[in-house]
Amino acid sequence: MRRYKRGVTLVEVMVSIFIVSFLLVGMMRLYSVGAIQSTLAKHRVMAANLAQAEIEGLRNTSYEDMVPADYPLTQTVKIDTGTAAAAADDINGTMVTNIYAVAEGYKIVVNITWNDYYGPITEVLESTITSYL
């Protein structure tokens, strides 16, 4: 009768360590990519909110007071991450507002451009204002 030794061999231990380390490295990489994508999405939402605020400000202007010849209007904006103490992580961008005369009234186009993890990113919002008078 043969007696089998109980336990694992050195090769089995090395293979299992390799498999576990391969899985852990992959999971850590996915976590870092997910964190970057989450931050990028947050910046896009903040830029869209700034553009929407610009459009709402123009909507509150009297239709007769809008002068398309005064546009494009270029402004520097700050995409704020919301933490007052960490102002160093705020991103500066450029907001360009255009007003075009169209058949229905005025078309407002707001472009916000900033540099993020993957290079320059642009968020564009459009709206049309009409006068029924």
C-alpha atoms as a PDB file:
ATOM      1  CA  MET A   1       0.000   0.000   0.000  1.00  0.00           C
ATOM      2  CA  ARG A   2       1.223   3.469  -0.945  1.00  0.00           C
ATOM      3  CA  ARG A   3       1.058   6.383   1.381  1.00  0.00           C
ATOM      4  CA  TYR A   4       0.318   9.728  -0.215  1.00  0.00           C
ATOM      5  CA  LYS A   5       1.903  12.787   1.237  1.00  0.00           C
ATOM      6  CA  ARG A   6      -0.510  15.442   2.301  1.00  0.00           C
ATOM      7  CA  GLY A   7       0.096  19.088   1.381  1.00  0.00           C
ATOM      8  CA  VAL A   8       0.919  21.069  -1.709  1.00  0.00           C
ATOM      9  CA  THR A   9       4.004  21.187  -3.819  1.00  0.00           C
ATOM     10  CA  LEU A  10       6.098  24.276  -4.442  1.00  0.00           C
ATOM     11  CA  VAL A  11       4.900  24.428  -8.064  1.00  0.00           C
ATOM     12  CA  GLU A  12       1.250  24.450  -6.957  1.00  0.00           C
ATOM     13  CA  VAL A  13       1.953  27.278  -4.516  1.00  0.00           C
ATOM     14  CA  MET A  14       3.769  29.308  -7.185  1.00  0.00           C
ATOM     15  CA  VAL A  15       0.940  28.834  -9.708  1.00  0.00           C
ATOM     16  CA  SER A  16      -1.695  29.857  -7.176  1.00  0.00           C
ATOM     17  CA  ILE A  17       0.321  32.956  -6.160  1.00  0.00           C
ATOM     18  CA  PHE A  18       0.658  33.908  -9.847  1.00  0.00           C
ATOM     19  CA  ILE A  19      -3.082  33.543 -10.473  1.00  0.00           C
ATOM     20  CA  VAL A  20      -4.054  35.540  -7.374  1.00  0.00           C
ATOM     21  CA  SER A  21      -1.551  38.325  -8.118  1.00  0.00           C
ATOM     22  CA  PHE A  22      -2.755  38.507 -11.741  1.00  0.00           C
ATOM     23  CA  LEU A  23      -6.352  38.917 -10.567  1.00  0.00           C
ATOM     24  CA  LEU A  24      -5.421  41.539  -7.954  1.00  0.00           C
ATOM     25  CA  VAL A  25      -3.453  43.641 -10.435  1.00  0.00           C
ATOM     26  CA  GLY A  26      -6.375  43.537 -12.874  1.00  0.00           C
ATOM     27  CA  MET A  27      -8.838  44.591 -10.183  1.00  0.00           C
ATOM     28  CA  MET A  28      -6.598  47.462  -9.046  1.00  0.00           C
ATOM     29  CA  ARG A  29      -6.307  48.675 -12.636  1.00  0.00           C
ATOM     30  CA  LEU A  30     -10.077  48.579 -13.086  1.00  0.00           C
ATOM     31  CA  TYR A  31     -10.507  50.528  -9.863  1.00  0.00           C
ATOM     32  CA  SER A  32      -8.128  53.299 -11.000  1.00  0.00           C
ATOM     33  CA  VAL A  33      -9.789  53.554 -14.437  1.00  0.00           C
ATOM     34  CA  GLY A  34     -13.201  53.688 -12.737  1.00  0.00           C
ATOM     35  CA  ALA A  35     -12.062  56.491 -10.437  1.00  0.00           C
ATOM     36  CA  ILE A  36     -10.766  58.528 -13.383  1.00  0.00           C
ATOM     37  CA  GLN A  37     -13.993  57.988 -15.353  1.00  0.00           C
ATOM     38  CA  SER A  38     -16.053  58.999 -12.321  1.00  0.00           C
ATOM     39  CA  THR A  39     -14.094  62.237 -11.932  1.00  0.00           C
ATOM     40  CA  LEU A  40     -14.394  62.940 -15.650  1.00  0.00           C
ATOM     41  CA  ALA A  41     -18.164  62.438 -15.501  1.00  0.00           C
ATOM     42  CA  LYS A  42     -18.356  64.795 -12.520  1.00  0.00           C
ATOM     43  CA  HIS A  43     -16.456  67.467 -14.463  1.00  0.00           C
ATOM     44  CA  ARG A  44     -18.786  67.058 -17.462  1.00  0.00           C
ATOM     45  CA  VAL A  45     -21.844  67.520 -15.241  1.00  0.00           C
ATOM     46  CA  MET A  46     -20.317  70.631 -13.659  1.00  0.00           C
ATOM     47  CA  ALA A  47     -19.565  72.072 -17.102  1.00  0.00           C
ATOM     48  CA  ALA A  48     -23.104  71.326 -18.267  1.00  0.00           C
ATOM     49  CA  ASN A  49     -24.446  73.080 -15.158  1.00  0.00           C
ATOM     50  CA  LEU A  50     -22.324  76.168 -15.914  1.00  0.00           C
ATOM     51  CA  ALA A  51     -23.569  76.205 -19.524  1.00  0.00           C
ATOM     52  CA  GLN A  52     -27.174  75.780 -18.383  1.00  0.00           C
ATOM     53  CA  ALA A  53     -26.775  78.661 -15.926  1.00  0.00           C
ATOM     54  CA  GLU A  54     -25.481  80.851 -18.777  1.00  0.00           C
ATOM     55  CA  ILE A  55     -28.473  79.919 -20.939  1.00  0.00           C
ATOM     56  CA  GLU A  56     -30.908  80.578 -18.098  1.00  0.00           C
ATOM     57  CA  GLY A  57     -29.295  83.975 -17.521  1.00  0.00           C
ATOM     58  CA  LEU A  58     -29.835  84.849 -21.182  1.00  0.00           C
ATOM     59  CA  ARG A  59     -33.416  83.563 -21.058  1.00  0.00           C
ATOM     60  CA  ASN A  60     -34.081  86.002 -18.204  1.00  0.00           C
ATOM     61  CA  THR A  61     -32.880  88.840 -20.432  1.00  0.00           C
ATOM     62  CA  SER A  62     -35.524  90.674 -22.365  1.00  0.00           C
ATOM     63  CA  TYR A  63     -35.855  89.392 -25.932  1.00  0.00           C
ATOM     64  CA  GLU A  64     -35.479  92.912 -27.299  1.00  0.00           C
ATOM     65  CA  ASP A  65     -32.283  93.487 -25.262  1.00  0.00           C
ATOM     66  CA  MET A  66     -30.448  90.564 -26.877  1.00  0.00           C
ATOM     67  CA  VAL A  67     -27.962  91.738 -29.470  1.00  0.00           C
ATOM     68  CA  PRO A  68     -26.378  88.895 -31.477  1.00  0.00           C
ATOM     69  CA  ALA A  69     -23.674  91.321 -32.656  1.00  0.00           C
ATOM     70  CA  ASP A  70     -22.295  91.387 -29.073  1.00  0.00           C
ATOM     71  CA  TYR A  71     -21.434  87.684 -29.361  1.00  0.00           C
ATOM     72  CA  PRO A  72     -19.361  85.481 -29.273  1.00  0.00           C
ATOM     73  CA  LEU A  73     -18.609  86.194 -25.631  1.00  0.00           C
ATOM     74  CA  THR A  74     -15.611  84.360 -24.158  1.00  0.00           C
ATOM     75  CA  GLN A  75     -15.210  83.906 -20.407  1.00  0.00           C
ATOM     76  CA  THR A  76     -12.887  81.951 -18.139  1.00  0.00           C
ATOM     77  CA  VAL A  77     -14.800  79.564 -15.893  1.00  0.00           C
ATOM     78  CA  LYS A  78     -13.777  77.393 -12.984  1.00  0.00           C
ATOM     79  CA  ILE A  79     -15.064  73.851 -12.798  1.00  0.00           C
ATOM     80  CA  ASP A  80     -15.301  73.559  -9.022  1.00  0.00           C
ATOM     81  CA  THR A  81     -15.042  70.139  -7.452  1.00  0.00           C
ATOM     82  CA  GLY A  82     -17.073  71.374  -4.507  1.00  0.00           C
ATOM     83  CA  THR A  83     -14.421  71.247  -1.799  1.00  0.00           C
ATOM     84  CA  ALA A  84     -13.623  74.775  -0.669  1.00  0.00           C
ATOM     85  CA  ALA A  85     -10.459  73.720   1.148  1.00  0.00           C
ATOM     86  CA  ALA A  86      -9.076  71.972  -1.935  1.00  0.00           C
ATOM     87  CA  ALA A  87      -9.222  74.862  -4.407  1.00  0.00           C
ATOM     88  CA  ALA A  88      -6.026  73.566  -6.031  1.00  0.00           C
ATOM     89  CA  ASP A  89      -7.978  70.750  -7.677  1.00  0.00           C
ATOM     90  CA  ASP A  90     -10.343  73.137  -9.487  1.00  0.00           C
ATOM     91  CA  ILE A  91     -10.041  73.157 -13.278  1.00  0.00           C
ATOM     92  CA  ASN A  92     -10.004  76.333 -15.342  1.00  0.00           C
ATOM     93  CA  GLY A  93     -11.872  76.271 -18.614  1.00  0.00           C
ATOM     94  CA  THR A  94     -13.169  78.563 -21.315  1.00  0.00           C
ATOM     95  CA  MET A  95     -16.850  79.252 -21.956  1.00  0.00           C
ATOM     96  CA  VAL A  96     -17.821  80.683 -25.334  1.00  0.00           C
ATOM     97  CA  THR A  97     -21.404  81.918 -25.729  1.00  0.00           C
ATOM     98  CA  ASN A  98     -22.852  82.549 -29.192  1.00  0.00           C
ATOM     99  CA  ILE A  99     -26.248  83.938 -30.164  1.00  0.00           C
ATOM    100  CA  TYR A 100     -27.468  83.412 -33.715  1.00  0.00           C
ATOM    101  CA  ALA A 101     -30.559  84.923 -35.309  1.00  0.00           C
ATOM    102  CA  VAL A 102     -32.725  82.129 -36.689  1.00  0.00           C
ATOM    103  CA  ALA A 103     -36.220  82.123 -38.194  1.00  0.00           C
ATOM    104  CA  GLU A 104     -37.843  81.269 -34.845  1.00  0.00           C
ATOM    105  CA  GLY A 105     -35.905  83.835 -32.797  1.00  0.00           C
ATOM    106  CA  TYR A 106     -32.429  83.400 -31.315  1.00  0.00           C
ATOM    107  CA  LYS A 107     -30.358  80.268 -31.017  1.00  0.00           C
ATOM    108  CA  ILE A 108     -27.983  80.216 -28.038  1.00  0.00           C
ATOM    109  CA  VAL A 109     -24.951  77.914 -28.163  1.00  0.00           C
ATOM    110  CA  VAL A 110     -22.661  77.601 -25.137  1.00  0.00           C
ATOM    111  CA  ASN A 111     -19.330  75.726 -25.453  1.00  0.00           C
ATOM    112  CA  ILE A 112     -17.231  74.956 -22.395  1.00  0.00           C
ATOM    113  CA  THR A 113     -13.739  73.573 -23.009  1.00  0.00           C
ATOM    114  CA  TRP A 114     -11.229  72.404 -20.412  1.00  0.00           C
ATOM    115  CA  ASN A 115      -8.247  70.059 -20.121  1.00  0.00           C
ATOM    116  CA  ASP A 116      -8.841  66.864 -18.174  1.00  0.00           C
ATOM    117  CA  TYR A 117      -7.147  63.474 -17.848  1.00  0.00           C
ATOM    118  CA  TYR A 118      -7.534  62.603 -21.516  1.00  0.00           C
ATOM    119  CA  GLY A 119      -6.786  66.021 -22.974  1.00  0.00           C
ATOM    120  CA  PRO A 120      -9.166  68.780 -24.085  1.00  0.00           C
ATOM    121  CA  ILE A 121     -12.867  68.104 -23.480  1.00  0.00           C
ATOM    122  CA  THR A 122     -15.810  70.175 -24.730  1.00  0.00           C
ATOM    123  CA  GLU A 123     -19.369  70.289 -23.459  1.00  0.00           C
ATOM    124  CA  VAL A 124     -21.949  72.009 -25.714  1.00  0.00           C
ATOM    125  CA  LEU A 125     -25.487  73.114 -24.832  1.00  0.00           C
ATOM    126  CA  GLU A 126     -27.954  74.747 -27.221  1.00  0.00           C
ATOM    127  CA  SER A 127     -31.294  76.476 -26.736  1.00  0.00           C
ATOM    128  CA  THR A 128     -33.683  78.547 -28.798  1.00  0.00           C
ATOM    129  CA  ILE A 129     -35.490  81.638 -27.559  1.00  0.00           C
ATOM    130  CA  THR A 130     -38.569  82.848 -29.391  1.00  0.00           C
ATOM    131  CA  SER A 131     -40.685  85.946 -29.140  1.00  0.00           C
ATOM    132  CA  TYR A 132     -44.415  85.568 -29.579  1.00  0.00           C
ATOM    133  CA  LEU A 133     -45.135  89.282 -29.474  1.00  0.00           C
END
